[in-house]
N, C-alpha and C. Protein backbone atom coordinates (compact mmCIF):
# COMPACT_ATOMS: atom_id res chain seq x y z
N MET A 1 107.81 113.32 120.27
CA MET A 1 108.53 111.89 119.90
C MET A 1 107.88 111.07 120.79
N VAL A 2 107.59 109.81 120.48
CA VAL A 2 107.38 108.78 121.87
C VAL A 2 108.38 107.54 121.02
N ALA A 3 108.70 106.75 121.83
CA ALA A 3 109.42 105.21 121.73
C ALA A 3 108.16 104.34 121.01
N GLU A 4 107.02 104.39 121.80
CA GLU A 4 106.13 103.34 121.42
C GLU A 4 104.78 103.75 121.49
N THR A 5 103.68 103.46 121.09
CA THR A 5 102.25 103.84 121.30
C THR A 5 101.50 102.86 120.55
N GLY A 6 100.21 103.12 120.54
CA GLY A 6 99.41 102.20 119.88
C GLY A 6 99.02 102.73 118.41
N SER A 7 98.90 103.79 118.53
CA SER A 7 98.44 104.86 117.48
C SER A 7 98.56 106.37 117.59
N THR A 8 99.37 106.99 117.00
CA THR A 8 99.37 108.48 116.89
C THR A 8 98.10 109.18 117.06
N ASN A 9 97.14 108.75 115.65
CA ASN A 9 96.12 109.23 115.62
C ASN A 9 95.37 109.43 116.93
N ALA A 10 95.12 107.91 117.28
CA ALA A 10 94.45 107.88 118.56
C ALA A 10 94.98 108.91 119.71
N ASP A 11 96.31 108.73 119.79
CA ASP A 11 96.77 110.01 120.77
C ASP A 11 96.51 111.06 120.92
N LEU A 12 96.28 111.67 119.80
CA LEU A 12 96.09 113.15 119.40
C LEU A 12 94.51 113.15 119.51
N LEU A 13 93.80 112.32 119.06
CA LEU A 13 92.39 112.42 119.30
C LEU A 13 91.95 112.52 120.86
N THR A 14 92.85 111.87 121.62
CA THR A 14 92.07 111.61 123.00
C THR A 14 92.72 112.87 123.86
N ARG A 15 93.98 113.35 123.17
CA ARG A 15 94.40 114.61 124.13
C ARG A 15 93.46 115.68 123.56
N LEU A 16 93.05 115.78 122.39
CA LEU A 16 92.15 117.00 122.39
C LEU A 16 91.08 116.87 122.97
N ALA A 17 90.46 115.53 122.90
CA ALA A 17 88.59 115.25 123.58
C ALA A 17 89.19 115.58 125.07
N SER A 18 90.15 115.44 125.47
CA SER A 18 90.53 115.71 127.23
C SER A 18 90.41 117.12 127.26
N GLY A 19 90.72 118.26 126.09
CA GLY A 19 90.92 119.54 126.40
C GLY A 19 91.97 120.34 126.33
N GLU A 20 93.17 119.00 126.14
CA GLU A 20 94.45 119.53 125.80
C GLU A 20 94.75 120.54 124.89
N ALA A 21 95.36 121.71 125.24
CA ALA A 21 95.76 122.68 124.17
C ALA A 21 97.15 122.47 123.37
N LEU A 22 96.54 121.69 122.42
CA LEU A 22 97.65 121.68 121.34
C LEU A 22 97.69 122.22 120.05
N PRO A 23 98.96 123.12 119.65
CA PRO A 23 98.87 124.09 118.75
C PRO A 23 98.93 123.48 117.22
N GLU A 24 98.29 124.07 116.33
CA GLU A 24 98.18 123.55 115.01
C GLU A 24 99.75 123.56 114.50
N GLY A 25 100.12 122.55 113.71
CA GLY A 25 101.51 122.29 113.26
C GLY A 25 102.18 121.45 114.56
N PHE A 26 101.59 120.95 115.56
CA PHE A 26 102.33 119.91 116.44
C PHE A 26 102.29 118.74 115.62
N TRP A 27 103.39 117.87 115.70
CA TRP A 27 103.30 116.78 115.44
C TRP A 27 103.56 115.69 116.55
N LEU A 28 103.17 114.41 116.50
CA LEU A 28 103.49 113.63 117.19
C LEU A 28 104.01 112.20 116.47
N ILE A 29 105.28 112.15 116.97
CA ILE A 29 105.95 110.91 115.82
C ILE A 29 106.32 109.69 116.99
N ALA A 30 106.13 108.43 116.37
CA ALA A 30 106.53 107.19 117.22
C ALA A 30 107.18 106.25 116.45
N ASP A 31 108.31 105.77 116.96
CA ASP A 31 109.13 104.78 116.63
C ASP A 31 108.55 103.47 116.43
N ARG A 32 107.66 103.36 117.15
CA ARG A 32 106.59 102.10 116.92
C ARG A 32 105.14 102.27 117.23
N GLN A 33 104.48 101.90 116.10
CA GLN A 33 103.01 101.66 116.40
C GLN A 33 102.44 100.37 116.60
N THR A 34 101.92 100.04 117.50
CA THR A 34 101.57 98.60 117.93
C THR A 34 99.88 98.50 117.28
N ALA A 35 99.30 99.67 117.28
CA ALA A 35 97.97 99.48 116.43
C ALA A 35 97.60 100.60 115.36
N GLY A 36 98.61 100.99 114.69
CA GLY A 36 98.20 101.66 113.79
C GLY A 36 97.51 101.48 112.76
N ARG A 37 96.47 102.43 112.48
CA ARG A 37 95.19 102.21 111.33
C ARG A 37 95.67 103.02 110.03
N GLY A 38 94.75 102.40 109.14
CA GLY A 38 94.74 102.78 107.67
C GLY A 38 93.13 103.04 107.66
N ARG A 39 92.68 103.78 106.24
CA ARG A 39 91.50 103.95 105.77
C ARG A 39 90.55 102.63 106.01
N GLN A 40 89.36 102.88 106.28
CA GLN A 40 88.22 101.75 106.45
C GLN A 40 88.58 100.86 107.57
N GLY A 41 89.47 101.44 108.47
CA GLY A 41 89.65 100.56 109.84
C GLY A 41 90.71 99.51 109.39
N ARG A 42 91.37 99.38 108.32
CA ARG A 42 92.28 98.36 107.98
C ARG A 42 93.59 98.60 108.97
N PRO A 43 94.43 97.65 109.35
CA PRO A 43 95.71 97.87 110.02
C PRO A 43 96.87 98.22 109.21
N TRP A 44 97.71 99.35 109.91
CA TRP A 44 98.83 100.13 109.41
C TRP A 44 100.04 99.56 109.82
N LEU A 45 100.77 98.49 109.36
CA LEU A 45 101.75 97.75 110.29
C LEU A 45 103.17 98.51 110.30
N ASP A 46 103.99 98.50 111.18
CA ASP A 46 104.88 99.31 111.29
C ASP A 46 106.11 98.56 110.85
N ALA A 47 107.49 99.19 110.96
CA ALA A 47 108.63 98.68 110.86
C ALA A 47 109.63 99.62 111.32
N PRO A 48 111.02 99.24 112.25
CA PRO A 48 112.07 99.92 112.38
C PRO A 48 112.42 101.00 110.97
N GLY A 49 112.65 102.16 111.36
CA GLY A 49 113.13 103.15 110.47
C GLY A 49 111.95 103.61 109.58
N ASN A 50 110.99 103.58 109.53
CA ASN A 50 109.87 103.89 108.94
C ASN A 50 109.01 105.02 109.55
N PHE A 51 108.53 105.88 108.88
CA PHE A 51 107.91 107.24 109.55
C PHE A 51 106.60 106.93 109.85
N MET A 52 106.22 107.42 111.11
CA MET A 52 104.84 106.80 111.59
C MET A 52 104.58 108.24 112.36
N GLY A 53 103.48 108.76 112.19
CA GLY A 53 103.26 110.26 112.73
C GLY A 53 102.04 110.99 112.15
N SER A 54 101.48 111.94 113.35
CA SER A 54 100.05 112.76 112.99
C SER A 54 100.30 114.01 113.66
N THR A 55 99.48 114.62 112.97
CA THR A 55 99.54 116.19 113.01
C THR A 55 98.17 116.81 113.11
N LEU A 56 97.88 117.75 113.64
CA LEU A 56 96.54 118.49 113.62
C LEU A 56 96.20 119.82 113.08
N VAL A 57 95.28 120.12 112.54
CA VAL A 57 94.79 121.22 111.89
C VAL A 57 93.49 121.86 112.71
N ARG A 58 93.60 123.09 112.80
CA ARG A 58 92.47 123.68 113.55
C ARG A 58 91.88 124.41 112.41
N LEU A 59 90.27 123.57 112.33
CA LEU A 59 89.68 124.10 111.14
C LEU A 59 88.98 125.44 111.61
N SER A 60 88.73 126.37 110.69
CA SER A 60 88.23 127.43 110.72
C SER A 60 86.66 127.40 109.71
N PRO A 61 85.72 128.40 109.78
CA PRO A 61 84.49 128.41 109.25
C PRO A 61 85.04 128.90 107.72
N ASP A 62 86.16 129.33 107.54
CA ASP A 62 86.72 130.08 106.23
C ASP A 62 87.38 129.10 105.35
N ASP A 63 88.09 128.01 106.00
CA ASP A 63 88.79 126.94 105.47
C ASP A 63 87.89 126.43 104.10
N PRO A 64 88.72 125.51 103.41
CA PRO A 64 88.02 124.77 102.35
C PRO A 64 87.73 123.84 102.88
N PRO A 65 86.73 122.63 102.42
CA PRO A 65 86.24 121.68 102.91
C PRO A 65 87.33 120.55 103.70
N ALA A 66 86.87 119.98 105.09
CA ALA A 66 88.11 119.39 105.67
C ALA A 66 88.57 118.30 105.22
N ALA A 67 87.70 117.58 104.64
CA ALA A 67 88.15 116.33 103.71
C ALA A 67 89.02 116.57 102.66
N SER A 68 89.08 117.98 102.02
CA SER A 68 90.36 117.92 100.82
C SER A 68 91.69 117.73 101.70
N LEU A 69 91.79 117.89 102.67
CA LEU A 69 93.24 117.74 103.88
C LEU A 69 93.72 116.55 103.23
N SER A 70 93.18 115.64 102.91
CA SER A 70 93.91 114.43 102.22
C SER A 70 94.52 114.47 101.22
N PHE A 71 94.53 115.67 100.45
CA PHE A 71 94.83 116.10 99.33
C PHE A 71 96.18 116.78 99.39
N VAL A 72 95.96 117.72 100.46
CA VAL A 72 97.10 118.34 101.10
C VAL A 72 98.31 117.65 101.38
N THR A 73 97.82 116.49 102.10
CA THR A 73 98.67 115.67 102.90
C THR A 73 99.27 114.90 101.64
N ALA A 74 98.91 114.29 100.64
CA ALA A 74 99.30 113.56 99.78
C ALA A 74 100.36 114.58 98.91
N LEU A 75 99.68 115.69 98.46
CA LEU A 75 100.94 116.51 97.98
C LEU A 75 102.33 116.79 98.55
N ALA A 76 102.17 116.95 100.10
CA ALA A 76 103.48 117.00 100.89
C ALA A 76 104.20 115.80 100.66
N VAL A 77 103.63 114.68 100.97
CA VAL A 77 104.14 113.47 100.88
C VAL A 77 105.05 113.41 99.50
N TYR A 78 104.26 113.59 98.80
CA TYR A 78 104.81 113.53 97.01
C TYR A 78 106.14 114.36 96.77
N ALA A 79 106.13 115.74 97.37
CA ALA A 79 106.98 116.32 97.55
C ALA A 79 108.31 116.08 98.39
N CYS A 80 108.21 115.59 99.29
CA CYS A 80 108.97 114.89 100.31
C CYS A 80 109.87 113.90 99.10
N VAL A 81 109.30 113.16 98.87
CA VAL A 81 109.91 111.71 98.14
C VAL A 81 110.34 112.22 96.92
N SER A 82 110.06 112.99 96.07
CA SER A 82 110.10 113.04 94.78
C SER A 82 111.77 113.56 94.47
N GLY A 83 112.30 114.68 95.94
CA GLY A 83 113.69 115.02 95.80
C GLY A 83 114.30 113.53 96.69
N GLN A 84 113.85 112.43 96.87
CA GLN A 84 114.63 111.57 97.50
C GLN A 84 115.46 110.31 96.50
N ILE A 85 114.22 110.21 95.45
CA ILE A 85 114.46 108.91 94.68
C ILE A 85 115.34 109.75 93.16
N ALA A 86 115.83 108.61 92.69
CA ALA A 86 116.30 108.91 91.49
C ALA A 86 115.55 108.85 90.22
N ALA A 87 114.15 108.35 90.11
CA ALA A 87 113.59 108.29 89.13
C ALA A 87 112.08 109.15 89.68
N PRO A 88 112.01 110.35 89.95
CA PRO A 88 110.54 110.80 90.49
C PRO A 88 109.56 110.57 89.63
N ALA A 89 109.67 110.49 88.15
CA ALA A 89 108.87 109.99 86.98
C ALA A 89 107.77 108.66 87.61
N SER A 90 108.43 107.59 88.46
CA SER A 90 107.70 106.70 88.86
C SER A 90 106.92 106.84 89.91
N LEU A 91 106.79 108.42 90.33
CA LEU A 91 105.97 108.44 91.32
C LEU A 91 104.62 109.00 91.18
N GLN A 92 103.56 108.60 91.84
CA GLN A 92 102.12 108.76 91.44
C GLN A 92 101.18 108.63 92.32
N LEU A 93 100.42 110.15 92.31
CA LEU A 93 99.37 109.95 93.07
C LEU A 93 97.76 109.33 92.55
N LYS A 94 97.33 108.65 93.63
CA LYS A 94 96.26 108.00 93.35
C LYS A 94 95.07 108.38 94.40
N TRP A 95 93.67 108.71 93.85
CA TRP A 95 92.82 108.87 94.80
C TRP A 95 92.33 107.98 95.40
N PRO A 96 91.83 108.26 97.02
CA PRO A 96 91.65 109.65 97.18
C PRO A 96 93.16 110.33 97.82
N ASN A 97 93.77 109.69 98.33
CA ASN A 97 94.85 109.65 99.22
C ASN A 97 96.30 108.83 99.21
N ASP A 98 96.53 108.33 98.13
CA ASP A 98 97.32 107.39 98.13
C ASP A 98 98.45 108.19 97.43
N VAL A 99 99.55 107.64 97.86
CA VAL A 99 101.19 107.85 97.14
C VAL A 99 102.00 106.83 96.48
N LEU A 100 101.92 106.37 95.39
CA LEU A 100 102.65 105.44 94.92
C LEU A 100 103.89 105.42 94.31
N LEU A 101 105.02 104.48 94.35
CA LEU A 101 105.75 104.54 93.67
C LEU A 101 106.06 103.17 92.85
N ALA A 102 106.27 103.43 91.56
CA ALA A 102 106.58 102.23 90.40
C ALA A 102 105.41 101.24 90.79
N GLY A 103 103.84 102.03 90.94
CA GLY A 103 102.76 101.41 91.19
C GLY A 103 102.49 100.41 92.24
N ARG A 104 103.41 101.12 93.22
CA ARG A 104 103.26 100.05 94.54
C ARG A 104 103.16 100.99 95.52
N LYS A 105 102.54 100.78 96.68
CA LYS A 105 101.80 101.54 97.77
C LYS A 105 103.00 101.53 98.87
N PHE A 106 103.60 102.67 99.18
CA PHE A 106 104.44 102.95 100.28
C PHE A 106 104.17 103.92 101.40
N CYS A 107 102.87 104.70 101.32
CA CYS A 107 102.54 105.59 102.02
C CYS A 107 100.58 105.31 102.43
N GLY A 108 100.52 105.63 103.55
CA GLY A 108 99.35 105.45 103.81
C GLY A 108 98.90 106.82 104.43
N ILE A 109 97.44 107.42 104.82
CA ILE A 109 97.15 108.46 105.04
C ILE A 109 96.09 108.49 105.79
N LEU A 110 95.51 108.91 106.90
CA LEU A 110 94.42 108.97 107.66
C LEU A 110 93.96 110.54 107.98
N LEU A 111 92.62 110.70 107.71
CA LEU A 111 92.13 111.91 108.30
C LEU A 111 90.95 111.52 109.49
N GLU A 112 90.59 112.26 110.46
CA GLU A 112 89.66 112.04 111.51
C GLU A 112 89.76 113.40 111.81
N ARG A 113 88.46 113.48 112.78
CA ARG A 113 87.88 114.54 113.29
C ARG A 113 87.57 114.39 114.67
N GLU A 114 88.01 115.81 115.16
CA GLU A 114 87.85 115.98 116.79
C GLU A 114 87.11 117.06 117.15
N GLY A 115 86.00 117.55 117.00
CA GLY A 115 85.58 118.74 117.57
C GLY A 115 86.09 119.84 115.88
N PRO A 116 86.71 120.97 116.57
CA PRO A 116 87.31 121.88 115.52
C PRO A 116 88.56 121.36 114.92
N PHE A 117 88.84 120.19 115.51
CA PHE A 117 90.31 119.88 114.60
C PHE A 117 90.24 118.79 113.75
N ALA A 118 91.31 118.74 112.58
CA ALA A 118 91.05 117.34 111.89
C ALA A 118 92.77 117.04 112.17
N VAL A 119 92.53 115.85 112.89
CA VAL A 119 93.80 114.96 112.75
C VAL A 119 94.45 114.28 111.69
N ILE A 120 95.63 114.01 111.05
CA ILE A 120 96.01 113.46 110.07
C ILE A 120 97.17 112.95 110.34
N GLY A 121 97.01 111.63 110.30
CA GLY A 121 97.97 110.31 110.26
C GLY A 121 98.75 110.24 109.10
N VAL A 122 99.90 109.98 108.99
CA VAL A 122 100.86 109.61 107.98
C VAL A 122 101.71 108.54 108.07
N GLY A 123 101.79 107.63 107.69
CA GLY A 123 102.52 106.38 107.52
C GLY A 123 103.33 106.23 106.32
N VAL A 124 105.01 106.30 106.41
CA VAL A 124 105.54 106.08 105.03
C VAL A 124 106.84 105.02 105.33
N ASN A 125 106.65 104.11 104.50
CA ASN A 125 107.65 103.14 104.37
C ASN A 125 109.25 103.37 103.94
N LEU A 126 109.86 103.85 105.02
CA LEU A 126 111.10 104.16 104.38
C LEU A 126 112.25 103.41 104.28
N ALA A 127 111.89 102.25 105.25
CA ALA A 127 113.31 101.34 105.45
C ALA A 127 113.01 100.08 105.14
N ALA A 128 111.40 99.84 105.53
CA ALA A 128 110.77 98.20 105.38
C ALA A 128 109.39 98.41 104.62
N ALA A 129 108.79 97.51 104.49
CA ALA A 129 107.41 97.32 103.60
C ALA A 129 106.72 96.28 104.23
N PRO A 130 106.22 96.31 105.10
CA PRO A 130 105.20 95.30 105.82
C PRO A 130 104.23 94.97 104.66
N PRO A 131 103.98 93.72 104.54
CA PRO A 131 103.38 93.03 103.37
C PRO A 131 101.55 93.18 103.82
N LEU A 132 100.88 93.71 102.50
CA LEU A 132 99.41 93.84 102.56
C LEU A 132 98.83 92.58 101.94
N ALA A 133 97.79 92.33 102.31
CA ALA A 133 97.19 90.98 101.89
C ALA A 133 96.30 91.57 100.70
N ASP A 134 95.84 92.76 100.25
CA ASP A 134 95.24 93.10 99.38
C ASP A 134 95.93 94.35 97.89
N ARG A 135 97.11 94.17 98.45
CA ARG A 135 97.93 95.18 97.35
C ARG A 135 99.35 95.41 97.48
N SER A 136 100.10 95.33 96.52
CA SER A 136 101.79 95.29 96.53
C SER A 136 102.23 96.64 97.24
N THR A 137 103.12 96.28 97.94
CA THR A 137 104.00 97.46 98.96
C THR A 137 105.15 97.36 98.40
N LEU A 138 105.93 98.99 98.84
CA LEU A 138 107.77 98.93 98.54
C LEU A 138 108.09 99.60 99.72
N ALA A 139 109.23 100.00 99.85
CA ALA A 139 109.94 100.85 100.70
C ALA A 139 110.68 101.57 100.05
N LEU A 140 111.01 102.71 100.31
CA LEU A 140 111.77 103.48 99.39
C LEU A 140 113.31 103.24 99.64
N ALA A 141 113.36 102.48 100.69
CA ALA A 141 114.84 101.79 100.67
C ALA A 141 115.17 100.88 99.57
N GLU A 142 114.06 100.25 98.68
CA GLU A 142 114.07 99.41 97.86
C GLU A 142 114.44 100.40 96.52
N ARG A 143 114.35 101.42 96.36
CA ARG A 143 114.56 102.25 95.25
C ARG A 143 116.10 103.15 95.69
N GLY A 144 116.82 102.67 96.32
CA GLY A 144 118.19 103.21 96.36
C GLY A 144 117.98 104.54 97.04
N ALA A 145 116.92 104.86 98.00
CA ALA A 145 116.90 105.70 99.00
C ALA A 145 116.43 105.23 100.18
N ARG A 146 116.97 105.47 101.29
CA ARG A 146 116.75 105.66 102.73
C ARG A 146 116.66 106.75 103.71
N PRO A 147 115.68 107.33 103.43
CA PRO A 147 116.08 108.91 104.31
C PRO A 147 115.97 108.57 106.03
N ASP A 148 116.87 109.58 106.31
CA ASP A 148 116.94 109.25 107.95
C ASP A 148 115.41 109.64 108.57
N ARG A 149 114.57 108.60 109.19
CA ARG A 149 113.72 109.14 109.71
C ARG A 149 113.05 110.75 110.13
N ASP A 150 114.29 110.92 111.35
CA ASP A 150 114.17 112.08 111.47
C ASP A 150 114.25 113.46 110.47
N LEU A 151 115.17 113.23 109.82
CA LEU A 151 114.97 114.31 108.75
C LEU A 151 114.08 114.36 107.73
N PHE A 152 113.29 113.22 107.47
CA PHE A 152 112.09 113.27 106.60
C PHE A 152 110.85 113.68 107.29
N ALA A 153 111.13 113.43 108.75
CA ALA A 153 109.88 114.10 109.73
C ALA A 153 110.09 115.55 109.63
N ALA A 154 111.08 116.25 109.56
CA ALA A 154 111.22 117.50 109.34
C ALA A 154 111.13 118.25 108.16
N ASP A 155 111.25 117.56 107.15
CA ASP A 155 110.67 117.88 105.78
C ASP A 155 109.38 117.76 105.54
N LEU A 156 108.90 116.81 105.97
CA LEU A 156 107.46 116.52 105.93
C LEU A 156 106.31 117.76 106.42
N ALA A 157 106.75 118.00 107.78
CA ALA A 157 106.41 119.03 108.61
C ALA A 157 106.45 120.19 107.89
N ALA A 158 107.77 120.61 107.13
CA ALA A 158 107.71 122.06 106.53
C ALA A 158 107.34 121.99 105.23
N ARG A 159 107.22 120.61 104.39
CA ARG A 159 106.22 120.68 103.38
C ARG A 159 104.47 120.81 103.67
N PHE A 160 104.35 119.93 104.76
CA PHE A 160 102.92 120.08 104.97
C PHE A 160 102.40 121.83 105.36
N ALA A 161 103.01 122.40 105.95
CA ALA A 161 102.78 123.62 106.52
C ALA A 161 102.90 124.46 105.47
N ILE A 162 103.63 124.53 104.13
CA ILE A 162 103.52 125.36 102.91
C ILE A 162 102.34 124.94 102.29
N GLU A 163 101.76 123.54 102.24
CA GLU A 163 100.72 122.88 101.49
C GLU A 163 99.41 123.48 102.32
N LEU A 164 99.42 123.54 103.63
CA LEU A 164 98.54 124.05 104.13
C LEU A 164 98.14 125.40 103.90
N ALA A 165 98.92 126.13 103.72
CA ALA A 165 98.95 127.55 103.61
C ALA A 165 98.06 127.89 102.28
N ARG A 166 98.75 127.53 101.34
CA ARG A 166 98.58 127.41 99.78
C ARG A 166 97.13 127.15 99.76
N TRP A 167 96.59 125.72 100.51
CA TRP A 167 95.08 125.06 100.53
C TRP A 167 94.21 126.73 100.99
N ARG A 168 94.67 127.47 102.34
CA ARG A 168 93.76 128.44 102.85
C ARG A 168 93.76 129.62 101.78
N LYS A 169 94.84 129.88 101.47
CA LYS A 169 95.13 131.12 100.87
C LYS A 169 94.11 130.86 99.12
N GLN A 170 94.39 130.07 98.49
CA GLN A 170 94.26 129.62 97.21
C GLN A 170 92.82 128.75 96.81
N GLY A 171 92.54 128.08 97.84
CA GLY A 171 91.47 127.10 97.54
C GLY A 171 91.59 125.90 97.34
N THR A 172 90.73 125.48 96.82
CA THR A 172 90.85 123.76 96.33
C THR A 172 91.12 123.53 94.73
N GLY A 173 90.85 124.76 94.14
CA GLY A 173 91.13 124.68 92.73
C GLY A 173 92.62 124.46 92.39
N PRO A 174 93.45 125.12 92.18
CA PRO A 174 94.67 125.02 92.22
C PRO A 174 95.28 123.82 92.86
N MET A 175 95.00 123.65 93.97
CA MET A 175 95.34 122.32 94.59
C MET A 175 95.02 120.99 93.63
N PHE A 176 93.57 120.92 93.38
CA PHE A 176 93.22 119.89 92.64
C PHE A 176 93.92 119.84 91.06
N SER A 177 94.45 121.14 90.58
CA SER A 177 94.98 121.07 89.36
C SER A 177 96.40 120.26 89.57
N ARG A 178 97.17 120.73 90.71
CA ARG A 178 98.50 120.11 90.67
C ARG A 178 98.31 118.84 91.20
N TRP A 179 97.42 118.21 91.89
CA TRP A 179 97.08 116.62 92.36
C TRP A 179 97.42 116.15 90.91
N GLN A 180 96.01 116.55 90.24
CA GLN A 180 96.07 116.30 88.88
C GLN A 180 97.15 115.67 88.13
N ALA A 181 97.87 116.90 87.94
CA ALA A 181 99.44 116.82 87.24
C ALA A 181 100.13 115.48 87.54
N ALA A 182 99.99 114.91 88.92
CA ALA A 182 100.60 114.09 89.13
C ALA A 182 100.17 112.74 89.67
N ALA A 183 98.68 112.59 89.06
CA ALA A 183 98.18 111.42 88.87
C ALA A 183 97.66 110.40 87.64
N HIS A 184 97.15 109.56 87.93
CA HIS A 184 96.77 108.84 86.78
C HIS A 184 96.30 109.93 85.57
N PRO A 185 96.97 109.63 84.05
CA PRO A 185 96.47 110.33 83.45
C PRO A 185 94.96 110.09 82.74
N PRO A 186 93.92 111.25 82.49
CA PRO A 186 92.72 111.12 81.78
C PRO A 186 92.72 109.71 81.07
N GLY A 187 91.65 108.77 81.18
CA GLY A 187 91.37 108.00 80.10
C GLY A 187 91.90 106.57 80.54
N THR A 188 92.54 106.72 82.20
CA THR A 188 93.04 105.60 82.65
C THR A 188 92.02 104.51 82.81
N ARG A 189 91.87 103.43 82.78
CA ARG A 189 90.91 102.31 83.31
C ARG A 189 91.08 102.29 85.07
N LEU A 190 89.91 102.44 85.48
CA LEU A 190 90.00 102.53 87.07
C LEU A 190 88.72 101.29 87.49
N SER A 191 88.67 100.73 88.38
CA SER A 191 87.62 100.10 88.98
C SER A 191 87.53 100.77 90.69
N VAL A 192 86.59 101.00 90.97
CA VAL A 192 86.25 101.97 92.65
C VAL A 192 85.38 100.46 93.38
N HIS A 193 85.86 100.30 94.47
CA HIS A 193 84.96 99.54 95.41
C HIS A 193 84.47 100.08 96.74
N ASP A 194 83.52 100.46 96.97
CA ASP A 194 83.04 101.06 97.96
C ASP A 194 82.99 100.03 99.18
N GLY A 195 82.74 100.82 100.44
CA GLY A 195 82.81 99.95 101.59
C GLY A 195 81.66 98.85 101.76
N ALA A 196 80.45 99.34 100.88
CA ALA A 196 79.29 98.14 100.64
C ALA A 196 79.70 97.10 99.63
N GLY A 197 80.84 97.15 99.03
CA GLY A 197 81.17 96.00 98.08
C GLY A 197 80.62 96.11 96.76
N THR A 198 80.04 97.43 96.59
CA THR A 198 79.79 97.93 95.28
C THR A 198 81.25 98.07 94.54
N ARG A 199 80.84 97.75 92.89
CA ARG A 199 82.18 97.97 92.00
C ARG A 199 81.87 98.74 90.55
N VAL A 200 82.55 100.03 90.76
CA VAL A 200 81.97 100.64 89.53
C VAL A 200 83.39 100.75 88.88
N ALA A 201 83.29 100.58 87.47
CA ALA A 201 84.56 100.31 86.58
C ALA A 201 84.04 101.70 85.64
N GLY A 202 85.08 102.26 85.14
CA GLY A 202 85.33 102.83 83.95
C GLY A 202 86.27 103.67 83.67
N THR A 203 86.69 105.14 82.92
CA THR A 203 87.96 105.76 82.49
C THR A 203 87.73 106.74 83.33
N TYR A 204 89.10 107.31 83.87
CA TYR A 204 89.09 108.48 84.86
C TYR A 204 88.95 109.41 83.95
N ASP A 205 87.99 110.54 84.63
CA ASP A 205 88.08 111.71 83.73
C ASP A 205 88.11 113.02 84.62
N GLY A 206 89.01 112.89 85.82
CA GLY A 206 89.39 114.19 86.46
C GLY A 206 88.68 114.10 87.81
N LEU A 207 88.68 115.39 88.04
CA LEU A 207 88.04 115.48 89.67
C LEU A 207 86.81 116.55 89.51
N GLU A 208 85.71 116.40 90.27
CA GLU A 208 85.00 117.28 90.48
C GLU A 208 85.28 118.38 91.28
N PRO A 209 84.75 119.70 91.36
CA PRO A 209 85.27 120.65 92.23
C PRO A 209 85.46 120.30 93.79
N ASP A 210 84.83 119.33 94.47
CA ASP A 210 85.06 118.99 95.70
C ASP A 210 85.70 118.09 95.75
N GLY A 211 86.43 117.43 94.84
CA GLY A 211 87.49 116.36 94.99
C GLY A 211 86.83 115.26 94.58
N ALA A 212 85.68 114.82 94.42
CA ALA A 212 85.08 113.84 93.84
C ALA A 212 85.66 112.97 92.82
N LEU A 213 85.72 111.59 92.67
CA LEU A 213 86.49 111.23 91.34
C LEU A 213 85.33 111.12 90.22
N ARG A 214 86.12 111.65 89.04
CA ARG A 214 84.62 111.32 87.83
C ARG A 214 85.40 110.22 87.08
N LEU A 215 84.15 108.94 86.84
CA LEU A 215 84.44 108.08 85.87
C LEU A 215 83.55 107.62 85.04
N VAL A 216 83.92 107.51 83.87
CA VAL A 216 83.01 107.48 82.87
C VAL A 216 82.97 106.17 82.54
N ARG A 217 81.45 105.31 83.01
CA ARG A 217 80.87 104.22 82.62
C ARG A 217 81.28 103.52 81.29
N ASP A 218 81.26 102.33 81.15
CA ASP A 218 81.28 102.08 79.67
C ASP A 218 80.02 102.54 78.85
N ASP A 219 78.93 102.43 79.66
CA ASP A 219 77.57 102.89 78.74
C ASP A 219 77.56 104.53 78.73
N GLY A 220 78.63 105.47 78.79
CA GLY A 220 78.96 106.55 78.60
C GLY A 220 78.46 107.16 79.94
N THR A 221 77.97 106.80 80.87
CA THR A 221 77.27 107.77 82.13
C THR A 221 78.01 108.16 83.02
N LEU A 222 78.34 109.20 83.92
CA LEU A 222 79.24 109.50 84.65
C LEU A 222 78.99 109.41 85.90
N ALA A 223 79.76 108.61 86.38
CA ALA A 223 79.76 108.21 88.23
C ALA A 223 80.55 109.25 88.92
N ARG A 224 80.22 109.91 89.72
CA ARG A 224 80.79 110.70 91.01
C ARG A 224 81.12 109.86 92.08
N ILE A 225 82.31 109.51 92.34
CA ILE A 225 82.68 108.76 93.45
C ILE A 225 83.30 109.39 94.55
N HIS A 226 82.73 109.74 95.87
CA HIS A 226 83.18 110.27 96.92
C HIS A 226 83.75 109.54 97.90
N ALA A 227 83.84 108.52 97.86
CA ALA A 227 84.48 107.25 99.01
C ALA A 227 84.68 105.65 98.16
N GLY A 228 85.85 105.56 98.03
CA GLY A 228 86.05 104.17 98.05
C GLY A 228 87.53 103.83 97.49
N ASP A 229 87.98 102.45 97.25
CA ASP A 229 89.23 101.91 97.02
C ASP A 229 89.03 101.73 95.62
N VAL A 230 90.42 102.50 94.81
CA VAL A 230 90.63 102.64 93.43
C VAL A 230 91.63 101.57 93.16
N SER A 231 91.47 101.03 92.18
CA SER A 231 92.57 100.00 91.38
C SER A 231 92.48 100.45 89.97
N HIS A 232 93.78 100.25 89.40
CA HIS A 232 93.85 100.30 87.76
C HIS A 232 93.35 99.06 87.68
N GLU A 233 92.63 98.74 86.65
CA GLU A 233 92.23 97.80 85.86
C GLU A 233 92.98 96.69 85.50
N GLY A 234 92.94 95.52 86.12
CA GLY A 234 94.37 94.50 85.71
C GLY A 234 95.52 94.44 86.62
N SER A 235 95.20 95.51 87.84
CA SER A 235 96.02 95.43 89.00
C SER A 235 95.63 95.27 90.25
N ASP A 236 96.31 95.46 91.30
CA ASP A 236 95.62 95.23 92.59
C ASP A 236 94.95 96.28 93.03
C-alpha cells in the first residue's frame, strides 16, 4: 500500500525489471495515482476513495495464453461488484475487458508484460467517476453502493486468486463461456474501432476459441477482432 505514486503498473514493471523477487499474488495499491494509464495509452484518472492497484502473475509454458488474463480479471471484478449493488442484472461485461454498470464504464483493466510476468492493473470507481471525453462513466456510489476501499481490495484479491486457479486448471473454454453469459447477448449491434482508425460494424456472434470477438458484418461475412474499442451502435 502506498499513499501516492505515478502508476502501480509502472512501479511493478520497474521492480520486476530490476530483478526484485515479487511473489505471485502480490498487490500494490495506491491511495492516489498521478499517471495512471488505461488501454492504448489513455490516462486513467483517480479520485479519493476509488480502487487503484496492480498485481502480477508468473507465467509458465503450461498456462493458457497470457492475453486471456484480461478476461480472468474482468470476471473477478464482476463477481466483486455483483454482490455490492442492488440490481446486479444491470452489470455487464464488454469485450475485451470492460465492466459496465447500466451501460456506463466504472472499471479499467490494463495488462502488460515483463519477462515471465504479466502485470495487471485495475481501477474501479468506488466513490467518484472522473469524466472521460469518449465515454460515459459512473461510480458505484451513484448506485447506492460505496464499498470500503480496503475491504474491496481484499475481496478482489481473493476473487482474482479463484479465477486464476480456474484459468490454470480448466483452461479458457469454461472461462469464455462464463464471460459470454455476462456479456452483451448474441445479435447485439456493435462497432469496433482499432488503433489505426478502422471501423468494423456488425452483430455480435460470440468469441473465438482464442478470445477474439466474432462480428458478422451486414454482408454476412465474419470478422474476427483481436484488438479494438467496442461500442454498442448508437451509444458511446
